[in-house]
Amino acid sequence: MRINQQDLPTEVVEVANTLENKGFEAYIVGGCTRDLFLGKIPKDWDFTTNATPEEIQDLFPDHYANNDFGTIGIKTESDDPSLKVIEVTPYRSESGYSDARRPDSVTFGVSLEEDLKRRDFTVNAMAYRVTTGELVDLFDGQLDLSEKRLKTVGDANERFAEDALRMMRAVRLAAELDFVIEGETMLAITRHNQQLSLISIERTAAEFIRIINSPTPMQGVVFLEKLGLLDQFIPEFKPTIGCEQGGIHAFDVYEHLLRTLQAAADKDFPLSLRLAALFHDIAKPPTRRTGGKNKKYTFFGHEVVGARMTKVIMERMKLPRELTDEVVNLVRWHMFFSDPDQITLSAVRRTISRIGEEHIEDLLNLRVCDRIGTGRPKEQPFRFRKYKAMVDEALRDPISVKMLKIDGEKIMDITGEKPGRKLGYILHALLEEALEDASRNTEEYMQQRALELNHLPEEELKTLAEAGKVRQAAEEAAAIKDIAREHKVG
């Protein structure tokens, strides 16, 4: 393993030369050095130096102070996002970690050796001097890289006691790099896993999301569970382990979820679909009942309860609302393409209306991953082609009031109605009819029906307009009636 200096970006070389020309040492360090040895393009660039924060700022006028630990962000004119800011941090030592996350005190001006000793893993504790090609590898980081092994610098118990988030980072790096975690490091994580509760949920969630977005998220979640970390922030997974499904499923619920997630990663699907794959059957344990027609178990309403559980989990992790809503909807409707009896054009139109035209492809893709996760690696080609054809046909039909052959202004013209709730009720009542039968979406029918609806009492009109919502709410209430309170997902 070696770094080709000629491949280093000009901006990185310039920062190194600026420091070295003034008599300071300058080493690239951490993840960027690790990635260079792995033949990867670093996502960001970090230097460490014996210059003080003030001396760094004097050398680079276009900068900003990045945190309380002496890091200075050097602004460049690069068009490459990874090079727009290059961070330079003085050598430092740290002491006291009363919150299991950040040092109570930081000392600048120590040696490079002291600086490297405070780092998390050996593969992140190598320093490379850009101007000379010198590599400082005090903890056999290169050896661990070649062995694809994650190992802490020094005593693992001390490293995790200093910063409990390092436990999540170990799993995330293992998933991103397809590395194993060294035995003593794993043992230390199991000893300290409860310390994760001291870390803000936002930081834990950020590492979790990176695990899910990695090439091997199944491996990552397995590590989280085996090391006792998953239970600290998503305890809802525990009941899925060993929960037998029967039927077409070769695996228990837990392994099925992991395999569905990995299928989504293998196809390079986006984060929302990966999360939906991981959560789609999470409510099977609380909804499982014995018996059923030709089945050992039934899981009636698991998609409804699962959507609620997913919302609780994602809100607990304080994930973005838009992402949460998208994943919750995918979980709620993931059964739609699994039941051929539901597949009518009107049902497809209603599903598109509920989940959004931009997400219907994700729902189909979730079905593909779900099938793979059962242990049957191929989706049934004919049925899937049929579903795709029906979706394409339904997308030409009305799925929102914007697609009706009438609008609010026209309704006001022909009825004399003024803007208000009643006008909205008329539009949504017309949409309900068009969702049921797309052939009704003609100018003649819509105008005649709008006149008829305008003569109805407002309460009756409201009932027609909200018929779909009321029907859905009733179905969901029935599905969760006897389990929502018990499992705290209501």
Protein backbone atom coordinates (compact mmCIF):
# COMPACT_ATOMS: atom_id res chain seq x y z
CA MET A 1 0.00 0.00 0.00
CA ARG A 2 1.29 3.44 -0.91
CA ILE A 3 0.12 6.94 -1.72
CA ASN A 4 1.03 8.44 -5.07
CA GLN A 5 1.89 12.06 -4.28
CA GLN A 6 1.21 13.08 -7.86
CA ASP A 7 -2.45 12.14 -7.34
CA LEU A 8 -2.88 14.56 -4.42
CA PRO A 9 -5.10 17.56 -5.24
CA THR A 10 -3.38 20.89 -5.83
CA GLU A 11 -5.37 22.49 -3.00
CA VAL A 12 -4.07 19.92 -0.51
CA VAL A 13 -0.47 20.38 -1.65
CA GLU A 14 -0.80 24.17 -1.38
CA VAL A 15 -2.04 23.99 2.22
CA ALA A 16 0.85 21.68 3.12
CA ASN A 17 3.44 23.92 1.41
CA THR A 18 2.08 27.05 3.07
CA LEU A 19 2.52 25.51 6.52
CA GLU A 20 5.86 23.85 5.82
CA ASN A 21 7.37 26.98 4.21
CA LYS A 22 6.82 28.80 7.49
CA GLY A 23 8.64 26.10 9.45
CA PHE A 24 5.61 24.08 10.61
CA GLU A 25 4.92 20.38 10.19
CA ALA A 26 1.86 19.39 8.12
CA TYR A 27 0.38 15.90 7.93
CA ILE A 28 -2.85 14.71 6.39
CA VAL A 29 -4.51 12.46 8.93
CA GLY A 30 -7.58 10.43 9.79
CA GLY A 31 -10.11 9.20 7.27
CA CYS A 32 -8.52 10.89 4.26
CA THR A 33 -5.19 9.12 4.83
CA ARG A 34 -7.00 5.82 5.34
CA ASP A 35 -9.02 6.28 2.14
CA LEU A 36 -5.93 7.17 0.11
CA PHE A 37 -4.26 3.92 1.15
CA LEU A 38 -7.45 2.06 0.19
CA GLY A 39 -7.42 3.66 -3.24
CA LYS A 40 -10.57 5.69 -2.48
CA ILE A 41 -11.17 9.38 -3.10
CA PRO A 42 -11.48 11.09 0.31
CA LYS A 43 -14.79 12.80 1.06
CA ASP A 44 -12.95 15.48 3.05
CA TRP A 45 -9.37 16.48 3.85
CA ASP A 46 -7.87 17.02 7.30
CA PHE A 47 -4.42 18.22 8.32
CA THR A 48 -2.74 18.15 11.70
CA THR A 49 0.14 20.49 12.49
CA ASN A 50 2.33 21.85 15.27
CA ALA A 51 1.09 25.37 14.47
CA THR A 52 -1.32 26.98 16.93
CA PRO A 53 -4.85 28.03 15.91
CA GLU A 54 -3.71 31.67 15.79
CA GLU A 55 -0.70 30.85 13.61
CA ILE A 56 -2.90 28.85 11.22
CA GLN A 57 -5.32 31.77 10.90
CA ASP A 58 -2.48 34.18 10.18
CA LEU A 59 -1.28 31.98 7.30
CA PHE A 60 -4.73 31.54 5.74
CA PRO A 61 -6.72 34.80 5.75
CA ASP A 62 -9.76 33.17 4.08
CA HIS A 63 -10.80 30.83 6.89
CA TYR A 64 -13.27 30.22 9.68
CA ALA A 65 -12.95 28.68 13.13
CA ASN A 66 -14.80 25.36 12.88
CA ASN A 67 -15.19 24.26 16.52
CA ASP A 68 -13.91 24.64 20.08
CA PHE A 69 -10.99 22.27 19.51
CA GLY A 70 -8.74 24.52 17.45
CA THR A 71 -9.89 23.35 14.01
CA ILE A 72 -9.58 26.01 11.31
CA GLY A 73 -11.48 25.62 8.04
CA ILE A 74 -9.36 26.82 5.11
CA LYS A 75 -11.51 27.99 2.22
CA THR A 76 -10.33 27.19 -1.32
CA GLU A 77 -11.60 28.10 -4.77
CA SER A 78 -12.09 24.46 -5.77
CA ASP A 79 -15.24 23.34 -7.55
CA ASP A 80 -14.89 19.94 -5.86
CA PRO A 81 -17.21 19.87 -2.79
CA SER A 82 -14.68 17.74 -0.90
CA LEU A 83 -12.01 20.42 -1.36
CA LYS A 84 -13.97 23.64 -0.85
CA VAL A 85 -12.87 23.59 2.79
CA ILE A 86 -9.72 21.87 4.08
CA GLU A 87 -9.57 21.55 7.86
CA VAL A 88 -6.36 22.13 9.78
CA THR A 89 -6.14 21.22 13.48
CA PRO A 90 -3.19 21.69 15.83
CA TYR A 91 -1.61 18.69 17.54
CA ARG A 92 -3.53 18.24 20.73
CA SER A 93 -4.08 16.01 23.71
CA GLU A 94 -7.37 15.61 25.56
CA SER A 95 -8.37 14.76 29.10
CA GLY A 96 -11.57 14.12 31.02
CA TYR A 97 -14.68 12.83 29.25
CA SER A 98 -17.43 13.43 31.79
CA ASP A 99 -20.20 13.28 29.16
CA ALA A 100 -18.74 10.20 27.38
CA ARG A 101 -18.56 12.28 24.21
CA ARG A 102 -16.29 15.36 24.39
CA PRO A 103 -13.07 16.08 26.30
CA ASP A 104 -13.33 18.38 29.31
CA SER A 105 -10.01 19.99 28.39
CA VAL A 106 -7.81 20.24 25.30
CA THR A 107 -4.08 21.04 25.26
CA PHE A 108 -2.40 22.37 22.08
CA GLY A 109 1.24 22.20 21.10
CA VAL A 110 1.90 18.56 22.04
CA SER A 111 3.67 16.10 19.78
CA LEU A 112 2.30 14.29 16.75
CA GLU A 113 2.62 11.05 18.72
CA GLU A 114 0.38 12.39 21.49
CA ASP A 115 -2.12 13.58 18.90
CA LEU A 116 -2.31 10.18 17.21
CA LYS A 117 -2.71 8.39 20.57
CA ARG A 118 -6.08 10.12 21.17
CA ARG A 119 -7.60 8.88 17.91
CA ASP A 120 -10.21 6.14 17.68
CA PHE A 121 -9.04 3.33 15.39
CA THR A 122 -5.63 2.34 14.12
CA VAL A 123 -6.66 2.80 10.48
CA ASN A 124 -7.55 6.42 11.33
CA ALA A 125 -4.33 7.08 13.27
CA MET A 126 -1.88 7.25 10.37
CA ALA A 127 -0.32 10.58 9.42
CA TYR A 128 1.16 11.32 5.99
CA ARG A 129 3.52 14.23 5.37
CA VAL A 130 2.61 15.60 1.96
CA THR A 131 5.89 17.42 1.29
CA THR A 132 8.20 14.47 2.01
CA GLY A 133 6.05 11.34 1.63
CA GLU A 134 6.82 10.33 5.22
CA LEU A 135 4.25 8.02 6.84
CA VAL A 136 3.86 7.97 10.61
CA ASP A 137 2.08 4.73 11.57
CA LEU A 138 2.62 4.10 15.28
CA PHE A 139 -0.20 1.58 15.76
CA ASP A 140 0.09 -0.71 12.73
CA GLY A 141 -2.76 0.93 10.87
CA GLN A 142 -1.44 -0.27 7.52
CA LEU A 143 -1.42 -3.86 8.75
CA ASP A 144 -5.02 -3.56 9.94
CA LEU A 145 -5.99 -2.03 6.60
CA SER A 146 -4.45 -4.94 4.74
CA GLU A 147 -6.26 -7.38 7.06
CA LYS A 148 -9.54 -5.41 6.70
CA ARG A 149 -9.73 -5.13 10.48
CA LEU A 150 -11.00 -2.38 12.80
CA LYS A 151 -9.08 -2.09 16.04
CA THR A 152 -8.94 0.72 18.57
CA VAL A 153 -5.82 2.71 19.30
CA GLY A 154 -4.56 1.41 22.64
CA ASP A 155 -7.05 0.11 25.20
CA ALA A 156 -10.52 -0.28 23.68
CA ASN A 157 -12.28 0.27 27.01
CA GLU A 158 -10.58 3.63 27.41
CA ARG A 159 -11.40 4.73 23.86
CA PHE A 160 -15.12 3.96 24.23
CA ALA A 161 -15.27 5.48 27.70
CA GLU A 162 -13.87 8.69 26.19
CA ASP A 163 -16.44 8.82 23.41
CA ALA A 164 -19.36 6.38 23.35
CA LEU A 165 -20.25 7.38 19.78
CA ARG A 166 -17.09 5.55 18.68
CA MET A 167 -19.02 2.30 19.16
CA MET A 168 -21.48 3.34 16.45
CA ARG A 169 -18.61 4.59 14.34
CA ALA A 170 -16.91 1.18 14.56
CA VAL A 171 -20.00 -0.49 13.13
CA ARG A 172 -20.45 2.20 10.50
CA LEU A 173 -16.86 1.89 9.28
CA ALA A 174 -17.17 -1.90 9.21
CA ALA A 175 -20.27 -1.57 7.01
CA GLU A 176 -18.82 1.12 4.74
CA LEU A 177 -15.44 -0.60 4.29
CA ASP A 178 -16.62 -4.22 4.58
CA PHE A 179 -14.19 -4.73 7.50
CA VAL A 180 -14.41 -6.99 10.54
CA ILE A 181 -14.21 -5.64 14.08
CA GLU A 182 -11.31 -7.04 16.11
CA GLY A 183 -12.26 -9.28 19.05
CA GLU A 184 -11.13 -7.09 21.96
CA THR A 185 -12.75 -4.09 20.34
CA MET A 186 -16.05 -5.98 20.03
CA LEU A 187 -15.83 -7.14 23.63
CA ALA A 188 -15.27 -3.59 24.83
CA ILE A 189 -18.34 -2.41 22.91
CA THR A 190 -20.51 -5.03 24.63
CA ARG A 191 -19.17 -3.78 27.99
CA HIS A 192 -19.93 -0.14 27.23
CA ASN A 193 -23.02 -0.38 24.97
CA GLN A 194 -25.34 1.25 27.51
CA GLN A 195 -23.14 4.35 27.42
CA LEU A 196 -24.67 5.05 24.02
CA SER A 197 -27.68 6.46 25.88
CA LEU A 198 -25.46 9.40 26.91
CA ILE A 199 -25.03 10.41 23.28
CA SER A 200 -27.55 12.72 21.66
CA ILE A 201 -30.01 10.82 19.52
CA GLU A 202 -29.17 13.05 16.55
CA ARG A 203 -25.54 11.86 16.56
CA THR A 204 -26.53 8.23 16.98
CA ALA A 205 -29.08 8.57 14.18
CA ALA A 206 -26.50 10.16 11.87
CA GLU A 207 -24.21 7.13 12.24
CA PHE A 208 -27.17 4.77 11.84
CA ILE A 209 -28.21 6.45 8.59
CA ARG A 210 -24.67 6.12 7.25
CA ILE A 211 -24.80 2.40 8.09
CA ILE A 212 -28.08 2.06 6.21
CA ASN A 213 -26.60 3.95 3.25
CA SER A 214 -23.48 1.75 3.20
CA PRO A 215 -22.86 -1.06 0.69
CA THR A 216 -23.38 -3.71 3.41
CA PRO A 217 -26.14 -2.43 5.73
CA MET A 218 -27.21 -5.98 6.63
CA GLN A 219 -23.78 -6.62 8.12
CA GLY A 220 -23.99 -3.28 9.94
CA VAL A 221 -27.35 -3.99 11.57
CA VAL A 222 -26.18 -7.48 12.56
CA PHE A 223 -23.18 -5.90 14.30
CA LEU A 224 -25.45 -3.35 16.03
CA GLU A 225 -27.68 -6.12 17.34
CA LYS A 226 -24.92 -8.54 18.38
CA LEU A 227 -23.03 -5.80 20.22
CA GLY A 228 -26.13 -4.62 22.10
CA LEU A 229 -26.26 -1.21 20.41
CA LEU A 230 -29.45 -1.59 18.38
CA ASP A 231 -31.49 -2.13 21.52
CA GLN A 232 -30.34 1.23 22.84
CA PHE A 233 -32.17 3.27 20.21
CA ILE A 234 -34.52 0.89 18.30
CA PRO A 235 -35.71 -1.68 20.86
CA GLU A 236 -38.64 -2.51 18.56
CA PHE A 237 -36.37 -4.88 16.63
CA LYS A 238 -35.88 -7.28 19.54
CA PRO A 239 -39.22 -9.13 19.11
CA THR A 240 -38.53 -9.77 15.42
CA ILE A 241 -35.59 -12.04 16.29
CA GLY A 242 -36.78 -15.65 16.17
CA CYS A 243 -40.32 -14.61 15.16
CA GLU A 244 -41.28 -17.41 12.76
CA GLN A 245 -43.42 -16.49 9.77
CA GLY A 246 -44.14 -19.70 7.89
CA GLY A 247 -45.68 -19.72 4.43
CA ILE A 248 -43.35 -18.57 1.66
CA HIS A 249 -40.83 -17.19 4.14
CA ALA A 250 -37.59 -19.13 4.67
CA PHE A 251 -36.44 -16.82 7.48
CA ASP A 252 -37.72 -15.29 10.71
CA VAL A 253 -38.94 -11.69 10.62
CA TYR A 254 -35.57 -10.27 11.69
CA GLU A 255 -33.53 -11.97 8.99
CA HIS A 256 -36.22 -11.24 6.41
CA LEU A 257 -35.99 -7.51 7.23
CA LEU A 258 -32.20 -7.59 6.97
CA ARG A 259 -32.25 -9.43 3.65
CA THR A 260 -34.86 -7.05 2.27
CA LEU A 261 -32.67 -4.13 3.33
CA GLN A 262 -29.60 -5.66 1.71
CA ALA A 263 -31.54 -6.27 -1.50
CA ALA A 264 -32.36 -2.54 -1.58
CA ALA A 265 -28.68 -1.71 -1.03
CA ASP A 266 -27.56 -4.15 -3.73
CA LYS A 267 -29.82 -2.32 -6.17
CA ASP A 268 -28.46 1.04 -4.95
CA PHE A 269 -31.92 2.25 -3.98
CA PRO A 270 -32.24 5.54 -2.05
CA LEU A 271 -32.32 5.95 1.73
CA SER A 272 -36.12 6.17 2.00
CA LEU A 273 -36.57 2.82 0.27
CA ARG A 274 -33.80 1.20 2.34
CA LEU A 275 -35.44 2.34 5.58
CA ALA A 276 -38.84 1.13 4.37
CA ALA A 277 -37.26 -2.22 3.56
CA LEU A 278 -35.84 -2.43 7.08
CA PHE A 279 -39.08 -1.42 8.81
CA HIS A 280 -41.80 -2.83 6.55
CA ASP A 281 -42.57 -5.93 8.65
CA ILE A 282 -41.50 -4.63 12.05
CA ALA A 283 -45.05 -5.00 13.37
CA LYS A 284 -45.35 -8.69 12.54
CA PRO A 285 -44.51 -9.86 16.09
CA PRO A 286 -47.30 -7.86 17.80
CA THR A 287 -49.83 -8.71 15.08
CA ARG A 288 -49.01 -12.42 14.73
CA ARG A 289 -51.88 -14.80 15.38
CA THR A 290 -51.91 -18.57 14.98
CA GLY A 291 -54.12 -20.20 12.38
CA GLY A 292 -55.68 -18.93 9.23
CA LYS A 293 -56.65 -20.33 5.87
CA ASN A 294 -53.78 -22.55 4.71
CA LYS A 295 -51.40 -20.58 6.94
CA LYS A 296 -49.63 -21.31 10.20
CA TYR A 297 -49.71 -17.64 11.18
CA THR A 298 -51.56 -14.50 10.15
CA PHE A 299 -50.32 -10.92 10.51
CA PHE A 300 -53.50 -8.97 9.86
CA GLY A 301 -52.94 -5.21 9.90
CA HIS A 302 -49.18 -5.42 10.33
CA GLU A 303 -48.69 -2.77 7.65
CA VAL A 304 -50.96 -0.35 9.54
CA VAL A 305 -49.33 -0.95 12.91
CA GLY A 306 -45.91 -1.01 11.24
CA ALA A 307 -46.46 2.45 9.77
CA ARG A 308 -47.25 3.79 13.22
CA MET A 309 -44.25 2.06 14.77
CA THR A 310 -42.03 3.40 11.99
CA LYS A 311 -43.23 6.92 12.65
CA VAL A 312 -42.49 6.55 16.38
CA ILE A 313 -38.98 5.23 15.65
CA MET A 314 -38.08 7.89 13.09
CA GLU A 315 -39.47 10.73 15.19
CA ARG A 316 -37.51 9.40 18.17
CA MET A 317 -34.36 9.64 16.06
CA LYS A 318 -35.41 13.16 14.99
CA LEU A 319 -35.05 12.33 11.32
CA PRO A 320 -36.37 14.86 8.76
CA ARG A 321 -40.14 15.01 8.53
CA GLU A 322 -40.22 14.63 4.75
CA LEU A 323 -38.12 11.46 4.97
CA THR A 324 -40.26 10.15 7.83
CA ASP A 325 -43.51 10.73 5.94
CA GLU A 326 -42.15 9.01 2.83
CA VAL A 327 -40.93 5.93 4.73
CA VAL A 328 -44.12 5.69 6.80
CA ASN A 329 -46.22 5.75 3.62
CA LEU A 330 -44.12 3.04 1.98
CA VAL A 331 -44.47 0.83 5.06
CA ARG A 332 -48.21 1.52 5.26
CA TRP A 333 -48.88 0.50 1.63
CA HIS A 334 -46.18 -2.14 1.09
CA MET A 335 -48.75 -4.95 1.03
CA PHE A 336 -50.63 -3.46 -1.91
CA PHE A 337 -48.65 -5.19 -4.68
CA SER A 338 -48.41 -8.44 -2.73
CA ASP A 339 -52.13 -9.22 -2.90
CA PRO A 340 -53.42 -9.87 -6.45
CA ASP A 341 -57.01 -9.55 -5.23
CA GLN A 342 -56.44 -5.85 -4.51
CA ILE A 343 -55.11 -5.01 -7.93
CA THR A 344 -57.85 -3.18 -9.77
CA LEU A 345 -57.32 0.03 -11.68
CA SER A 346 -59.39 2.00 -9.20
CA ALA A 347 -57.34 0.55 -6.33
CA VAL A 348 -54.10 1.45 -8.13
CA ARG A 349 -55.38 4.99 -8.69
CA ARG A 350 -56.24 5.36 -5.02
CA THR A 351 -52.85 4.02 -3.96
CA ILE A 352 -51.05 6.46 -6.26
CA SER A 353 -53.21 9.24 -4.86
CA ARG A 354 -52.26 8.29 -1.29
CA ILE A 355 -48.55 7.69 -1.74
CA GLY A 356 -47.84 10.24 -4.45
CA GLU A 357 -47.02 9.75 -8.10
CA GLU A 358 -43.32 10.35 -7.41
CA HIS A 359 -43.20 7.42 -4.93
CA ILE A 360 -45.19 4.71 -6.73
CA GLU A 361 -42.03 3.36 -8.38
CA ASP A 362 -40.49 3.02 -4.91
CA LEU A 363 -43.50 1.00 -3.79
CA LEU A 364 -43.01 -1.38 -6.69
CA ASN A 365 -39.29 -1.63 -5.95
CA LEU A 366 -40.01 -2.30 -2.28
CA ARG A 367 -42.12 -5.24 -3.42
CA VAL A 368 -39.16 -6.59 -5.41
CA CYS A 369 -36.86 -6.36 -2.37
CA ASP A 370 -39.54 -7.90 -0.15
CA ARG A 371 -39.72 -10.92 -2.46
CA ILE A 372 -35.96 -11.32 -2.47
CA GLY A 373 -35.98 -11.11 1.32
CA THR A 374 -38.30 -14.11 1.59
CA GLY A 375 -35.57 -16.38 0.27
CA ARG A 376 -37.07 -16.47 -3.21
CA PRO A 377 -34.56 -14.49 -5.21
CA LYS A 378 -36.73 -13.62 -8.21
CA GLU A 379 -39.88 -11.59 -8.49
CA GLN A 380 -42.59 -13.36 -10.52
CA PRO A 381 -41.95 -11.78 -13.95
CA PHE A 382 -45.49 -11.93 -15.34
CA ARG A 383 -47.20 -10.57 -12.23
CA PHE A 384 -44.69 -7.76 -11.84
CA ARG A 385 -45.04 -6.74 -15.48
CA LYS A 386 -48.78 -6.71 -14.96
CA TYR A 387 -48.43 -4.39 -11.95
CA LYS A 388 -46.15 -2.03 -13.88
CA ALA A 389 -48.60 -1.91 -16.79
CA MET A 390 -51.49 -1.11 -14.45
CA VAL A 391 -49.49 1.68 -12.79
CA ASP A 392 -48.63 3.17 -16.20
CA GLU A 393 -52.31 3.04 -17.18
CA ALA A 394 -53.47 4.49 -13.86
CA LEU A 395 -51.02 7.39 -14.16
CA ARG A 396 -52.96 8.53 -17.22
CA ASP A 397 -56.14 8.67 -15.13
CA PRO A 398 -57.04 11.29 -12.49
CA ILE A 399 -55.23 10.80 -9.18
CA SER A 400 -55.57 14.34 -7.83
CA VAL A 401 -57.99 17.26 -8.18
CA LYS A 402 -55.45 18.91 -10.51
CA MET A 403 -56.12 16.13 -13.05
CA LEU A 404 -59.91 16.55 -13.09
CA LYS A 405 -61.59 17.92 -16.21
CA ILE A 406 -62.93 20.73 -14.06
CA ASP A 407 -61.41 23.20 -11.64
CA GLY A 408 -62.58 25.51 -8.89
CA GLU A 409 -63.07 28.48 -11.17
CA LYS A 410 -65.32 26.51 -13.52
CA ILE A 411 -67.38 25.19 -10.61
CA MET A 412 -67.87 28.76 -9.35
CA ASP A 413 -68.89 29.87 -12.84
CA ILE A 414 -71.59 27.23 -13.29
CA THR A 415 -72.87 27.08 -9.68
CA GLY A 416 -72.41 30.63 -8.46
CA GLU A 417 -70.61 29.18 -5.46
CA LYS A 418 -67.96 31.31 -3.76
CA PRO A 419 -64.51 30.20 -2.55
CA GLY A 420 -64.75 28.23 0.67
CA ARG A 421 -65.07 24.79 2.23
CA LYS A 422 -68.04 23.78 0.09
CA LEU A 423 -66.08 24.34 -3.10
CA GLY A 424 -63.31 22.08 -1.77
CA TYR A 425 -65.85 19.42 -0.82
CA ILE A 426 -67.28 19.43 -4.36
CA LEU A 427 -63.82 19.00 -5.91
CA HIS A 428 -62.88 16.12 -3.62
CA ALA A 429 -66.25 14.42 -4.06
CA LEU A 430 -65.67 14.57 -7.81
CA LEU A 431 -62.17 13.13 -7.32
CA GLU A 432 -63.60 10.22 -5.31
CA GLU A 433 -65.88 9.40 -8.22
CA ALA A 434 -63.04 9.69 -10.76
CA LEU A 435 -60.78 7.47 -8.68
CA GLU A 436 -63.49 4.83 -8.68
CA ASP A 437 -64.24 5.15 -12.40
CA ALA A 438 -61.86 7.16 -14.58
CA SER A 439 -64.38 7.26 -17.43
CA ARG A 440 -66.36 9.82 -15.42
CA ASN A 441 -63.57 12.34 -15.82
CA THR A 442 -65.09 14.22 -18.74
CA GLU A 443 -66.04 17.88 -18.91
CA GLU A 444 -69.70 17.03 -19.49
CA TYR A 445 -69.97 14.61 -16.56
CA MET A 446 -67.94 16.76 -14.17
CA GLN A 447 -69.98 19.90 -14.85
CA GLN A 448 -73.32 18.10 -14.56
CA ARG A 449 -72.25 16.29 -11.38
CA ALA A 450 -70.88 19.53 -9.86
CA LEU A 451 -74.31 21.12 -10.29
CA GLU A 452 -75.95 18.13 -8.59
CA LEU A 453 -73.46 18.12 -5.72
CA ASN A 454 -73.92 21.84 -5.16
CA HIS A 455 -77.54 21.23 -4.19
CA LEU A 456 -76.60 18.78 -1.41
CA PRO A 457 -76.41 19.88 2.24
CA GLU A 458 -72.84 20.75 3.21
CA GLU A 459 -72.56 17.89 5.73
CA GLU A 460 -73.66 15.31 3.16
CA LEU A 461 -71.24 16.80 0.67
CA LYS A 462 -68.44 16.58 3.25
CA THR A 463 -69.24 12.90 3.77
CA LEU A 464 -68.89 12.21 0.04
CA ALA A 465 -65.68 14.22 -0.19
CA GLU A 466 -64.07 12.38 2.71
CA ALA A 467 -65.43 8.94 1.93
CA GLY A 468 -62.02 7.55 1.07
CA LYS A 469 -60.37 8.94 4.20
CA VAL A 470 -63.18 7.70 6.42
CA ARG A 471 -63.06 4.23 4.90
CA GLN A 472 -59.30 4.03 5.33
CA ALA A 473 -59.45 5.29 8.91
CA ALA A 474 -62.10 2.71 9.80
CA GLU A 475 -60.02 -0.10 8.33
CA GLU A 476 -56.94 1.03 10.23
CA ALA A 477 -58.82 1.44 13.49
CA ALA A 478 -60.10 -2.13 13.20
CA ALA A 479 -56.62 -3.44 12.45
CA ILE A 480 -54.96 -1.93 15.51
CA LYS A 481 -57.80 -1.95 18.02
CA ASP A 482 -56.54 -4.79 20.19
CA ILE A 483 -52.79 -4.15 20.01
CA ALA A 484 -52.08 -0.42 19.71
CA ARG A 485 -52.30 0.26 23.42
CA GLU A 486 -50.35 -2.85 24.43
CA HIS A 487 -47.44 -2.02 22.14
CA LYS A 488 -47.58 1.76 22.54
CA VAL A 489 -47.92 2.51 18.87
CA GLY A 490 -51.30 4.19 18.95
